[in-house]
């Protein structure tokens, strides 16, 4: 770790993010700064998600909408690049806690 944050990699499984990412592509992910999840997220960013209802299962999705609730907390509507993928059309909005990392780039293409 350092001032630039914590980075890791994920390997894509499934076809929900095609044509952008394919199965077995490796993605570089930024998980936050200084040991805390502190991400700068914008519309269109591709993120890694761990849903509260499915701990230990990770998804790669694209942020399609960011909403603020009455307390000023953000929630995210995420979509697959492939319309056949499972995403917020089924889940609804995700809490900020469910967004665990921001995809920086593909580091190995299948």
PDB file of N, CA and C in Angstrom:
ATOM      1  N   UNK A   1       0.844  -1.180   0.000  1.00  0.00           N
ATOM      2  CA  UNK A   1       0.000   0.000   0.000  1.00  0.00           C
ATOM      3  C   UNK A   1       0.885   1.236   0.000  1.00  0.00           C
ATOM      4  N   UNK A   2       0.365   2.306  -0.439  1.00  0.00           N
ATOM      5  CA  UNK A   2       1.064   3.568  -0.432  1.00  0.00           C
ATOM      6  C   UNK A   2       0.077   4.684  -0.641  1.00  0.00           C
ATOM      7  N   UNK A   3       0.594   5.851  -0.935  1.00  0.00           N
ATOM      8  CA  UNK A   3      -0.309   6.980  -1.109  1.00  0.00           C
ATOM      9  C   UNK A   3      -1.200   6.818  -2.335  1.00  0.00           C
ATOM     10  N   UNK A   4      -0.819   5.913  -3.233  1.00  0.00           N
ATOM     11  CA  UNK A   4      -1.611   5.703  -4.430  1.00  0.00           C
ATOM     12  C   UNK A   4      -2.693   4.667  -4.246  1.00  0.00           C
ATOM     13  N   UNK A   5      -2.728   4.005  -3.106  1.00  0.00           N
ATOM     14  CA  UNK A   5      -3.835   3.117  -2.817  1.00  0.00           C
ATOM     15  C   UNK A   5      -3.504   1.656  -2.920  1.00  0.00           C
ATOM     16  N   UNK A   6      -4.554   0.884  -2.833  1.00  0.00           N
ATOM     17  CA  UNK A   6      -4.480  -0.569  -2.866  1.00  0.00           C
ATOM     18  C   UNK A   6      -5.015  -1.037  -4.214  1.00  0.00           C
ATOM     19  N   UNK A   7      -4.241  -1.880  -4.871  1.00  0.00           N
ATOM     20  CA  UNK A   7      -4.636  -2.403  -6.172  1.00  0.00           C
ATOM     21  C   UNK A   7      -4.619  -3.922  -6.133  1.00  0.00           C
ATOM     22  N   UNK A   8      -5.407  -4.518  -6.983  1.00  0.00           N
ATOM     23  CA  UNK A   8      -5.441  -5.969  -7.117  1.00  0.00           C
ATOM     24  C   UNK A   8      -5.947  -6.310  -8.500  1.00  0.00           C
ATOM     25  N   UNK A   9      -6.213  -7.576  -8.705  1.00  0.00           N
ATOM     26  CA  UNK A   9      -6.727  -7.985 -10.007  1.00  0.00           C
ATOM     27  C   UNK A   9      -7.908  -8.930  -9.820  1.00  0.00           C
ATOM     28  N   UNK A  10      -8.767  -8.931 -10.802  1.00  0.00           N
ATOM     29  CA  UNK A  10      -9.859  -9.886 -10.863  1.00  0.00           C
ATOM     30  C   UNK A  10      -9.825 -10.528 -12.235  1.00  0.00           C
ATOM     31  N   UNK A  11     -10.335 -11.738 -12.302  1.00  0.00           N
ATOM     32  CA  UNK A  11     -10.440 -12.453 -13.569  1.00  0.00           C
ATOM     33  C   UNK A  11     -11.922 -12.535 -13.920  1.00  0.00           C
ATOM     34  N   UNK A  12     -12.261 -12.124 -15.112  1.00  0.00           N
ATOM     35  CA  UNK A  12     -13.653 -12.097 -15.556  1.00  0.00           C
ATOM     36  C   UNK A  12     -14.145 -13.520 -15.782  1.00  0.00           C
ATOM     37  N   UNK A  13     -15.326 -13.805 -15.243  1.00  0.00           N
ATOM     38  CA  UNK A  13     -16.031 -15.055 -15.519  1.00  0.00           C
ATOM     39  C   UNK A  13     -17.356 -14.688 -16.151  1.00  0.00           C
ATOM     40  N   UNK A  14     -17.788 -15.433 -17.110  1.00  0.00           N
ATOM     41  CA  UNK A  14     -19.078 -15.165 -17.729  1.00  0.00           C
ATOM     42  C   UNK A  14     -19.000 -14.106 -18.813  1.00  0.00           C
ATOM     43  N   UNK A  15     -20.151 -13.842 -19.408  1.00  0.00           N
ATOM     44  CA  UNK A  15     -20.207 -12.977 -20.590  1.00  0.00           C
ATOM     45  C   UNK A  15     -20.997 -11.692 -20.365  1.00  0.00           C
ATOM     46  N   UNK A  16     -21.310 -11.353 -19.119  1.00  0.00           N
ATOM     47  CA  UNK A  16     -22.176 -10.200 -18.865  1.00  0.00           C
ATOM     48  C   UNK A  16     -21.559  -8.862 -19.269  1.00  0.00           C
ATOM     49  N   UNK A  17     -20.232  -8.787 -19.385  1.00  0.00           N
ATOM     50  CA  UNK A  17     -19.602  -7.515 -19.758  1.00  0.00           C
ATOM     51  C   UNK A  17     -19.070  -7.524 -21.194  1.00  0.00           C
ATOM     52  N   UNK A  18     -19.440  -8.525 -21.978  1.00  0.00           N
ATOM     53  CA  UNK A  18     -19.058  -8.508 -23.385  1.00  0.00           C
ATOM     54  C   UNK A  18     -19.856  -7.436 -24.110  1.00  0.00           C
ATOM     55  N   UNK A  19     -19.304  -6.744 -25.059  1.00  0.00           N
ATOM     56  CA  UNK A  19     -18.025  -7.004 -25.713  1.00  0.00           C
ATOM     57  C   UNK A  19     -16.819  -6.334 -25.050  1.00  0.00           C
ATOM     58  N   UNK A  20     -17.029  -5.567 -23.975  1.00  0.00           N
ATOM     59  CA  UNK A  20     -15.915  -4.845 -23.349  1.00  0.00           C
ATOM     60  C   UNK A  20     -14.894  -5.793 -22.745  1.00  0.00           C
ATOM     61  N   UNK A  21     -15.368  -6.736 -21.956  1.00  0.00           N
ATOM     62  CA  UNK A  21     -14.492  -7.721 -21.306  1.00  0.00           C
ATOM     63  C   UNK A  21     -15.011  -9.111 -21.602  1.00  0.00           C
ATOM     64  N   UNK A  22     -14.077 -10.045 -21.776  1.00  0.00           N
ATOM     65  CA  UNK A  22     -14.399 -11.425 -22.101  1.00  0.00           C
ATOM     66  C   UNK A  22     -14.012 -12.354 -20.957  1.00  0.00           C
ATOM     67  N   UNK A  23     -14.596 -13.551 -20.918  1.00  0.00           N
ATOM     68  CA  UNK A  23     -14.184 -14.509 -19.896  1.00  0.00           C
ATOM     69  C   UNK A  23     -12.670 -14.719 -19.920  1.00  0.00           C
ATOM     70  N   UNK A  24     -12.092 -14.769 -18.742  1.00  0.00           N
ATOM     71  CA  UNK A  24     -10.661 -14.971 -18.490  1.00  0.00           C
ATOM     72  C   UNK A  24      -9.804 -13.728 -18.719  1.00  0.00           C
ATOM     73  N   UNK A  25     -10.399 -12.582 -19.055  1.00  0.00           N
ATOM     74  CA  UNK A  25      -9.639 -11.330 -19.057  1.00  0.00           C
ATOM     75  C   UNK A  25      -9.249 -11.001 -17.614  1.00  0.00           C
ATOM     76  N   UNK A  26      -8.074 -10.439 -17.423  1.00  0.00           N
ATOM     77  CA  UNK A  26      -7.624  -9.988 -16.107  1.00  0.00           C
ATOM     78  C   UNK A  26      -7.786  -8.481 -16.049  1.00  0.00           C
ATOM     79  N   UNK A  27      -8.370  -7.987 -14.962  1.00  0.00           N
ATOM     80  CA  UNK A  27      -8.599  -6.555 -14.809  1.00  0.00           C
ATOM     81  C   UNK A  27      -7.846  -6.029 -13.601  1.00  0.00           C
ATOM     82  N   UNK A  28      -7.228  -4.854 -13.750  1.00  0.00           N
ATOM     83  CA  UNK A  28      -6.579  -4.168 -12.636  1.00  0.00           C
ATOM     84  C   UNK A  28      -7.647  -3.352 -11.914  1.00  0.00           C
ATOM     85  N   UNK A  29      -7.735  -3.519 -10.588  1.00  0.00           N
ATOM     86  CA  UNK A  29      -8.787  -2.893  -9.796  1.00  0.00           C
ATOM     87  C   UNK A  29      -8.171  -2.046  -8.694  1.00  0.00           C
ATOM     88  N   UNK A  30      -8.722  -0.847  -8.506  1.00  0.00           N
ATOM     89  CA  UNK A  30      -8.318   0.030  -7.402  1.00  0.00           C
ATOM     90  C   UNK A  30      -9.341  -0.147  -6.286  1.00  0.00           C
ATOM     91  N   UNK A  31      -8.858  -0.501  -5.085  1.00  0.00           N
ATOM     92  CA  UNK A  31      -9.747  -0.780  -3.956  1.00  0.00           C
ATOM     93  C   UNK A  31      -9.828   0.345  -2.940  1.00  0.00           C
ATOM     94  N   UNK A  32      -9.001   1.369  -3.041  1.00  0.00           N
ATOM     95  CA  UNK A  32      -9.102   2.487  -2.111  1.00  0.00           C
ATOM     96  C   UNK A  32      -7.739   2.996  -1.672  1.00  0.00           C
ATOM     97  N   UNK A  33      -7.774   3.951  -0.757  1.00  0.00           N
ATOM     98  CA  UNK A  33      -6.569   4.603  -0.257  1.00  0.00           C
ATOM     99  C   UNK A  33      -6.415   4.369   1.238  1.00  0.00           C
ATOM    100  N   UNK A  34      -5.183   4.263   1.685  1.00  0.00           N
ATOM    101  CA  UNK A  34      -4.844   4.277   3.107  1.00  0.00           C
ATOM    102  C   UNK A  34      -5.603   3.217   3.909  1.00  0.00           C
ATOM    103  N   UNK A  35      -5.839   2.067   3.311  1.00  0.00           N
ATOM    104  CA  UNK A  35      -6.508   0.990   4.014  1.00  0.00           C
ATOM    105  C   UNK A  35      -8.011   1.179   4.154  1.00  0.00           C
ATOM    106  N   UNK A  36      -8.549   2.225   3.527  1.00  0.00           N
ATOM    107  CA  UNK A  36      -9.989   2.466   3.594  1.00  0.00           C
ATOM    108  C   UNK A  36     -10.542   2.493   2.184  1.00  0.00           C
ATOM    109  N   UNK A  37     -11.761   2.025   2.051  1.00  0.00           N
ATOM    110  CA  UNK A  37     -12.394   2.083   0.740  1.00  0.00           C
ATOM    111  C   UNK A  37     -12.782   3.528   0.468  1.00  0.00           C
ATOM    112  N   UNK A  38     -12.046   4.171  -0.392  1.00  0.00           N
ATOM    113  CA  UNK A  38     -12.290   5.564  -0.734  1.00  0.00           C
ATOM    114  C   UNK A  38     -12.122   5.671  -2.234  1.00  0.00           C
ATOM    115  N   UNK A  39     -13.242   5.618  -2.949  1.00  0.00           N
ATOM    116  CA  UNK A  39     -13.200   5.571  -4.395  1.00  0.00           C
ATOM    117  C   UNK A  39     -13.873   6.812  -4.984  1.00  0.00           C
ATOM    118  N   UNK A  40     -13.342   7.284  -6.083  1.00  0.00           N
ATOM    119  CA  UNK A  40     -13.957   8.375  -6.838  1.00  0.00           C
ATOM    120  C   UNK A  40     -14.708   7.729  -7.996  1.00  0.00           C
ATOM    121  N   UNK A  41     -16.020   7.625  -7.894  1.00  0.00           N
ATOM    122  CA  UNK A  41     -16.810   6.919  -8.901  1.00  0.00           C
ATOM    123  C   UNK A  41     -17.639   7.897  -9.720  1.00  0.00           C
ATOM    124  N   UNK A  42     -17.680   7.627 -11.028  1.00  0.00           N
ATOM    125  CA  UNK A  42     -18.438   8.462 -11.958  1.00  0.00           C
ATOM    126  C   UNK A  42     -19.319   7.587 -12.844  1.00  0.00           C
ATOM    127  N   UNK A  43     -20.278   8.219 -13.479  1.00  0.00           N
ATOM    128  CA  UNK A  43     -21.089   7.497 -14.455  1.00  0.00           C
ATOM    129  C   UNK A  43     -20.190   6.891 -15.517  1.00  0.00           C
ATOM    130  N   UNK A  44     -20.473   5.672 -15.895  1.00  0.00           N
ATOM    131  CA  UNK A  44     -19.693   4.995 -16.919  1.00  0.00           C
ATOM    132  C   UNK A  44     -18.535   4.184 -16.382  1.00  0.00           C
ATOM    133  N   UNK A  45     -18.142   4.404 -15.115  1.00  0.00           N
ATOM    134  CA  UNK A  45     -17.055   3.610 -14.532  1.00  0.00           C
ATOM    135  C   UNK A  45     -17.466   2.146 -14.436  1.00  0.00           C
ATOM    136  N   UNK A  46     -16.502   1.261 -14.639  1.00  0.00           N
ATOM    137  CA  UNK A  46     -16.717  -0.170 -14.428  1.00  0.00           C
ATOM    138  C   UNK A  46     -16.210  -0.492 -13.032  1.00  0.00           C
ATOM    139  N   UNK A  47     -17.030  -1.183 -12.260  1.00  0.00           N
ATOM    140  CA  UNK A  47     -16.728  -1.430 -10.849  1.00  0.00           C
ATOM    141  C   UNK A  47     -16.854  -2.909 -10.508  1.00  0.00           C
ATOM    142  N   UNK A  48     -16.225  -3.263  -9.385  1.00  0.00           N
ATOM    143  CA  UNK A  48     -16.378  -4.599  -8.815  1.00  0.00           C
ATOM    144  C   UNK A  48     -17.362  -4.476  -7.656  1.00  0.00           C
ATOM    145  N   UNK A  49     -18.315  -5.380  -7.629  1.00  0.00           N
ATOM    146  CA  UNK A  49     -19.408  -5.352  -6.659  1.00  0.00           C
ATOM    147  C   UNK A  49     -19.399  -6.628  -5.842  1.00  0.00           C
ATOM    148  N   UNK A  50     -19.649  -6.471  -4.545  1.00  0.00           N
ATOM    149  CA  UNK A  50     -19.949  -7.614  -3.679  1.00  0.00           C
ATOM    150  C   UNK A  50     -21.276  -7.284  -3.005  1.00  0.00           C
ATOM    151  N   UNK A  51     -22.342  -7.910  -3.460  1.00  0.00           N
ATOM    152  CA  UNK A  51     -23.680  -7.604  -2.936  1.00  0.00           C
ATOM    153  C   UNK A  51     -23.832  -8.093  -1.507  1.00  0.00           C
ATOM    154  N   UNK A  52     -24.531  -7.303  -0.694  1.00  0.00           N
ATOM    155  CA  UNK A  52     -24.752  -7.661   0.713  1.00  0.00           C
ATOM    156  C   UNK A  52     -25.458  -8.995   0.839  1.00  0.00           C
ATOM    157  N   UNK A  53     -26.334  -9.314  -0.109  1.00  0.00           N
ATOM    158  CA  UNK A  53     -27.090 -10.565  -0.064  1.00  0.00           C
ATOM    159  C   UNK A  53     -26.317 -11.750  -0.624  1.00  0.00           C
ATOM    160  N   UNK A  54     -25.129 -11.508  -1.187  1.00  0.00           N
ATOM    161  CA  UNK A  54     -24.314 -12.582  -1.766  1.00  0.00           C
ATOM    162  C   UNK A  54     -22.843 -12.391  -1.405  1.00  0.00           C
ATOM    163  N   UNK A  55     -22.510 -12.433  -0.120  1.00  0.00           N
ATOM    164  CA  UNK A  55     -21.102 -12.223   0.253  1.00  0.00           C
ATOM    165  C   UNK A  55     -20.192 -13.279  -0.375  1.00  0.00           C
ATOM    166  N   UNK A  56     -19.026 -12.826  -0.824  1.00  0.00           N
ATOM    167  CA  UNK A  56     -18.050 -13.727  -1.433  1.00  0.00           C
ATOM    168  C   UNK A  56     -18.225 -13.923  -2.925  1.00  0.00           C
ATOM    169  N   UNK A  57     -19.290 -13.365  -3.495  1.00  0.00           N
ATOM    170  CA  UNK A  57     -19.511 -13.435  -4.942  1.00  0.00           C
ATOM    171  C   UNK A  57     -19.309 -12.028  -5.496  1.00  0.00           C
ATOM    172  N   UNK A  58     -18.462 -11.918  -6.505  1.00  0.00           N
ATOM    173  CA  UNK A  58     -18.080 -10.620  -7.040  1.00  0.00           C
ATOM    174  C   UNK A  58     -18.581 -10.474  -8.470  1.00  0.00           C
ATOM    175  N   UNK A  59     -19.045  -9.282  -8.800  1.00  0.00           N
ATOM    176  CA  UNK A  59     -19.555  -8.959 -10.126  1.00  0.00           C
ATOM    177  C   UNK A  59     -18.790  -7.775 -10.677  1.00  0.00           C
ATOM    178  N   UNK A  60     -18.670  -7.721 -11.996  1.00  0.00           N
ATOM    179  CA  UNK A  60     -18.112  -6.565 -12.692  1.00  0.00           C
ATOM    180  C   UNK A  60     -19.255  -5.942 -13.476  1.00  0.00           C
ATOM    181  N   UNK A  61     -19.537  -4.654 -13.212  1.00  0.00           N
ATOM    182  CA  UNK A  61     -20.655  -3.956 -13.849  1.00  0.00           C
ATOM    183  C   UNK A  61     -20.278  -2.505 -14.122  1.00  0.00           C
ATOM    184  N   UNK A  62     -21.103  -1.821 -14.914  1.00  0.00           N
ATOM    185  CA  UNK A  62     -20.873  -0.425 -15.261  1.00  0.00           C
ATOM    186  C   UNK A  62     -21.898   0.464 -14.546  1.00  0.00           C
ATOM    187  N   UNK A  63     -21.431   1.575 -13.968  1.00  0.00           N
ATOM    188  CA  UNK A  63     -22.330   2.502 -13.284  1.00  0.00           C
ATOM    189  C   UNK A  63     -23.152   3.255 -14.335  1.00  0.00           C
ATOM    190  N   UNK A  64     -24.485   3.116 -14.236  1.00  0.00           N
ATOM    191  CA  UNK A  64     -25.384   3.778 -15.174  1.00  0.00           C
ATOM    192  C   UNK A  64     -26.077   4.984 -14.548  1.00  0.00           C
ATOM    193  N   UNK A  65     -26.186   4.978 -13.213  1.00  0.00           N
ATOM    194  CA  UNK A  65     -26.856   6.083 -12.532  1.00  0.00           C
ATOM    195  C   UNK A  65     -26.369   6.147 -11.092  1.00  0.00           C
ATOM    196  N   UNK A  66     -26.225   7.362 -10.583  1.00  0.00           N
ATOM    197  CA  UNK A  66     -25.867   7.587  -9.180  1.00  0.00           C
ATOM    198  C   UNK A  66     -26.964   8.454  -8.577  1.00  0.00           C
ATOM    199  N   UNK A  67     -27.539   7.973  -7.469  1.00  0.00           N
ATOM    200  CA  UNK A  67     -28.632   8.708  -6.819  1.00  0.00           C
ATOM    201  C   UNK A  67     -28.238   9.034  -5.387  1.00  0.00           C
ATOM    202  N   UNK A  68     -28.804  10.117  -4.864  1.00  0.00           N
ATOM    203  CA  UNK A  68     -28.610  10.498  -3.462  1.00  0.00           C
ATOM    204  C   UNK A  68     -29.924  10.309  -2.722  1.00  0.00           C
ATOM    205  N   UNK A  69     -29.850   9.679  -1.533  1.00  0.00           N
ATOM    206  CA  UNK A  69     -31.066   9.575  -0.735  1.00  0.00           C
ATOM    207  C   UNK A  69     -31.225  10.832   0.115  1.00  0.00           C
ATOM    208  N   UNK A  70     -32.255  10.869   0.939  1.00  0.00           N
ATOM    209  CA  UNK A  70     -32.547  12.078   1.724  1.00  0.00           C
ATOM    210  C   UNK A  70     -31.454  12.401   2.737  1.00  0.00           C
ATOM    211  N   UNK A  71     -30.622  11.402   3.091  1.00  0.00           N
ATOM    212  CA  UNK A  71     -29.513  11.621   4.020  1.00  0.00           C
ATOM    213  C   UNK A  71     -28.207  11.941   3.310  1.00  0.00           C
ATOM    214  N   UNK A  72     -28.246  12.035   1.983  1.00  0.00           N
ATOM    215  CA  UNK A  72     -27.057  12.345   1.206  1.00  0.00           C
ATOM    216  C   UNK A  72     -26.176  11.142   0.894  1.00  0.00           C
ATOM    217  N   UNK A  73     -26.670   9.930   1.188  1.00  0.00           N
ATOM    218  CA  UNK A  73     -25.908   8.722   0.857  1.00  0.00           C
ATOM    219  C   UNK A  73     -26.137   8.353  -0.605  1.00  0.00           C
ATOM    220  N   UNK A  74     -25.065   7.908  -1.246  1.00  0.00           N
ATOM    221  CA  UNK A  74     -25.145   7.540  -2.657  1.00  0.00           C
ATOM    222  C   UNK A  74     -25.626   6.105  -2.815  1.00  0.00           C
ATOM    223  N   UNK A  75     -26.378   5.874  -3.876  1.00  0.00           N
ATOM    224  CA  UNK A  75     -26.715   4.524  -4.301  1.00  0.00           C
ATOM    225  C   UNK A  75     -26.472   4.463  -5.805  1.00  0.00           C
ATOM    226  N   UNK A  76     -26.219   3.261  -6.280  1.00  0.00           N
ATOM    227  CA  UNK A  76     -25.746   3.083  -7.651  1.00  0.00           C
ATOM    228  C   UNK A  76     -26.635   2.118  -8.418  1.00  0.00           C
ATOM    229  N   UNK A  77     -26.940   2.499  -9.640  1.00  0.00           N
ATOM    230  CA  UNK A  77     -27.648   1.635 -10.571  1.00  0.00           C
ATOM    231  C   UNK A  77     -26.608   1.165 -11.564  1.00  0.00           C
ATOM    232  N   UNK A  78     -26.404  -0.139 -11.625  1.00  0.00           N
ATOM    233  CA  UNK A  78     -25.339  -0.690 -12.453  1.00  0.00           C
ATOM    234  C   UNK A  78     -25.928  -1.606 -13.518  1.00  0.00           C
ATOM    235  N   UNK A  79     -25.271  -1.620 -14.659  1.00  0.00           N
ATOM    236  CA  UNK A  79     -25.724  -2.450 -15.769  1.00  0.00           C
ATOM    237  C   UNK A  79     -24.584  -3.287 -16.319  1.00  0.00           C
ATOM    238  N   UNK A  80     -24.951  -4.413 -16.900  1.00  0.00           N
ATOM    239  CA  UNK A  80     -24.025  -5.225 -17.676  1.00  0.00           C
ATOM    240  C   UNK A  80     -23.880  -4.588 -19.049  1.00  0.00           C
ATOM    241  N   UNK A  81     -22.743  -4.766 -19.699  1.00  0.00           N
ATOM    242  CA  UNK A  81     -22.608  -4.294 -21.079  1.00  0.00           C
ATOM    243  C   UNK A  81     -23.399  -5.201 -22.027  1.00  0.00           C
ATOM    244  N   UNK A  82     -23.588  -6.444 -21.639  1.00  0.00           N
ATOM    245  CA  UNK A  82     -24.370  -7.416 -22.390  1.00  0.00           C
ATOM    246  C   UNK A  82     -25.770  -7.438 -21.776  1.00  0.00           C
ATOM    247  N   UNK A  83     -26.790  -7.151 -22.561  1.00  0.00           N
ATOM    248  CA  UNK A  83     -28.151  -7.071 -22.031  1.00  0.00           C
ATOM    249  C   UNK A  83     -28.618  -8.350 -21.351  1.00  0.00           C
ATOM    250  N   UNK A  84     -27.986  -9.478 -21.647  1.00  0.00           N
ATOM    251  CA  UNK A  84     -28.379 -10.749 -21.038  1.00  0.00           C
ATOM    252  C   UNK A  84     -27.839 -10.896 -19.611  1.00  0.00           C
ATOM    253  N   UNK A  85     -26.961  -9.998 -19.178  1.00  0.00           N
ATOM    254  CA  UNK A  85     -26.364 -10.099 -17.847  1.00  0.00           C
ATOM    255  C   UNK A  85     -27.338  -9.707 -16.743  1.00  0.00           C
ATOM    256  N   UNK A  86     -27.055 -10.174 -15.535  1.00  0.00           N
ATOM    257  CA  UNK A  86     -27.842  -9.825 -14.355  1.00  0.00           C
ATOM    258  C   UNK A  86     -27.264  -8.555 -13.742  1.00  0.00           C
ATOM    259  N   UNK A  87     -28.138  -7.608 -13.395  1.00  0.00           N
ATOM    260  CA  UNK A  87     -27.666  -6.319 -12.907  1.00  0.00           C
ATOM    261  C   UNK A  87     -28.780  -5.610 -12.151  1.00  0.00           C
ATOM    262  N   UNK A  88     -28.720  -4.284 -12.058  1.00  0.00           N
ATOM    263  CA  UNK A  88     -29.710  -3.522 -11.291  1.00  0.00           C
ATOM    264  C   UNK A  88     -31.123  -3.614 -11.858  1.00  0.00           C
ATOM    265  N   UNK A  89     -31.266  -4.055 -13.093  1.00  0.00           N
ATOM    266  CA  UNK A  89     -32.621  -4.279 -13.611  1.00  0.00           C
ATOM    267  C   UNK A  89     -33.328  -5.350 -12.791  1.00  0.00           C
ATOM    268  N   UNK A  90     -32.550  -6.247 -12.197  1.00  0.00           N
ATOM    269  CA  UNK A  90     -33.098  -7.291 -11.307  1.00  0.00           C
ATOM    270  C   UNK A  90     -32.914  -6.903  -9.836  1.00  0.00           C
ATOM    271  N   UNK A  91     -31.734  -6.351  -9.480  1.00  0.00           N
ATOM    272  CA  UNK A  91     -31.382  -6.079  -8.082  1.00  0.00           C
ATOM    273  C   UNK A  91     -31.915  -4.760  -7.553  1.00  0.00           C
ATOM    274  N   UNK A  92     -32.081  -3.772  -8.406  1.00  0.00           N
ATOM    275  CA  UNK A  92     -32.363  -2.418  -7.958  1.00  0.00           C
ATOM    276  C   UNK A  92     -31.053  -1.700  -7.661  1.00  0.00           C
ATOM    277  N   UNK A  93     -31.161  -0.577  -6.966  1.00  0.00           N
ATOM    278  CA  UNK A  93     -29.975   0.219  -6.642  1.00  0.00           C
ATOM    279  C   UNK A  93     -29.109  -0.501  -5.615  1.00  0.00           C
ATOM    280  N   UNK A  94     -27.798  -0.292  -5.701  1.00  0.00           N
ATOM    281  CA  UNK A  94     -26.846  -0.863  -4.746  1.00  0.00           C
ATOM    282  C   UNK A  94     -26.353   0.228  -3.809  1.00  0.00           C
ATOM    283  N   UNK A  95     -26.054  -0.158  -2.587  1.00  0.00           N
ATOM    284  CA  UNK A  95     -25.500   0.799  -1.628  1.00  0.00           C
ATOM    285  C   UNK A  95     -24.034   1.053  -1.953  1.00  0.00           C
ATOM    286  N   UNK A  96     -23.528   2.159  -1.446  1.00  0.00           N
ATOM    287  CA  UNK A  96     -22.115   2.499  -1.659  1.00  0.00           C
ATOM    288  C   UNK A  96     -21.199   1.410  -1.103  1.00  0.00           C
ATOM    289  N   UNK A  97     -21.614   0.760  -0.021  1.00  0.00           N
ATOM    290  CA  UNK A  97     -20.806  -0.300   0.598  1.00  0.00           C
ATOM    291  C   UNK A  97     -20.641  -1.513  -0.310  1.00  0.00           C
ATOM    292  N   UNK A  98     -21.556  -1.691  -1.259  1.00  0.00           N
ATOM    293  CA  UNK A  98     -21.488  -2.848  -2.148  1.00  0.00           C
ATOM    294  C   UNK A  98     -20.525  -2.646  -3.315  1.00  0.00           C
ATOM    295  N   UNK A  99     -20.093  -1.429  -3.548  1.00  0.00           N
ATOM    296  CA  UNK A  99     -19.094  -1.140  -4.588  1.00  0.00           C
ATOM    297  C   UNK A  99     -17.730  -1.251  -3.913  1.00  0.00           C
ATOM    298  N   UNK A 100     -16.966  -2.291  -4.253  1.00  0.00           N
ATOM    299  CA  UNK A 100     -15.715  -2.521  -3.518  1.00  0.00           C
ATOM    300  C   UNK A 100     -14.467  -2.109  -4.280  1.00  0.00           C
ATOM    301  N   UNK A 101     -14.586  -1.868  -5.576  1.00  0.00           N
ATOM    302  CA  UNK A 101     -13.407  -1.467  -6.337  1.00  0.00           C
ATOM    303  C   UNK A 101     -13.786  -0.877  -7.681  1.00  0.00           C
ATOM    304  N   UNK A 102     -12.856  -0.130  -8.239  1.00  0.00           N
ATOM    305  CA  UNK A 102     -13.033   0.538  -9.520  1.00  0.00           C
ATOM    306  C   UNK A 102     -12.049  -0.078 -10.516  1.00  0.00           C
ATOM    307  N   UNK A 103     -12.559  -0.597 -11.630  1.00  0.00           N
ATOM    308  CA  UNK A 103     -11.686  -1.203 -12.642  1.00  0.00           C
ATOM    309  C   UNK A 103     -10.901  -0.095 -13.337  1.00  0.00           C
ATOM    310  N   UNK A 104      -9.571  -0.248 -13.361  1.00  0.00           N
ATOM    311  CA  UNK A 104      -8.683   0.728 -13.987  1.00  0.00           C
ATOM    312  C   UNK A 104      -8.448   0.384 -15.460  1.00  0.00           C
ATOM    313  N   UNK A 105      -8.113  -0.871 -15.719  1.00  0.00           N
ATOM    314  CA  UNK A 105      -7.819  -1.297 -17.086  1.00  0.00           C
ATOM    315  C   UNK A 105      -7.771  -2.818 -17.162  1.00  0.00           C
ATOM    316  N   UNK A 106      -7.799  -3.319 -18.363  1.00  0.00           N
ATOM    317  CA  UNK A 106      -7.551  -4.745 -18.586  1.00  0.00           C
ATOM    318  C   UNK A 106      -6.036  -4.930 -18.623  1.00  0.00           C
ATOM    319  N   UNK A 107      -5.524  -5.910 -17.875  1.00  0.00           N
ATOM    320  CA  UNK A 107      -4.081  -6.132 -17.869  1.00  0.00           C
ATOM    321  C   UNK A 107      -3.685  -7.378 -18.656  1.00  0.00           C
ATOM    322  N   UNK A 108      -4.655  -8.232 -18.955  1.00  0.00           N
ATOM    323  CA  UNK A 108      -4.372  -9.391 -19.811  1.00  0.00           C
ATOM    324  C   UNK A 108      -5.658  -9.755 -20.517  1.00  0.00           C
ATOM    325  N   UNK A 109      -5.563  -9.849 -21.816  1.00  0.00           N
ATOM    326  CA  UNK A 109      -6.730 -10.198 -22.623  1.00  0.00           C
ATOM    327  C   UNK A 109      -6.715 -11.686 -22.912  1.00  0.00           C
ATOM    328  N   UNK A 110      -7.884 -12.306 -22.786  1.00  0.00           N
ATOM    329  CA  UNK A 110      -7.995 -13.724 -23.114  1.00  0.00           C
ATOM    330  C   UNK A 110      -7.881 -13.913 -24.606  1.00  0.00           C
TER     331      UNK A 110
END
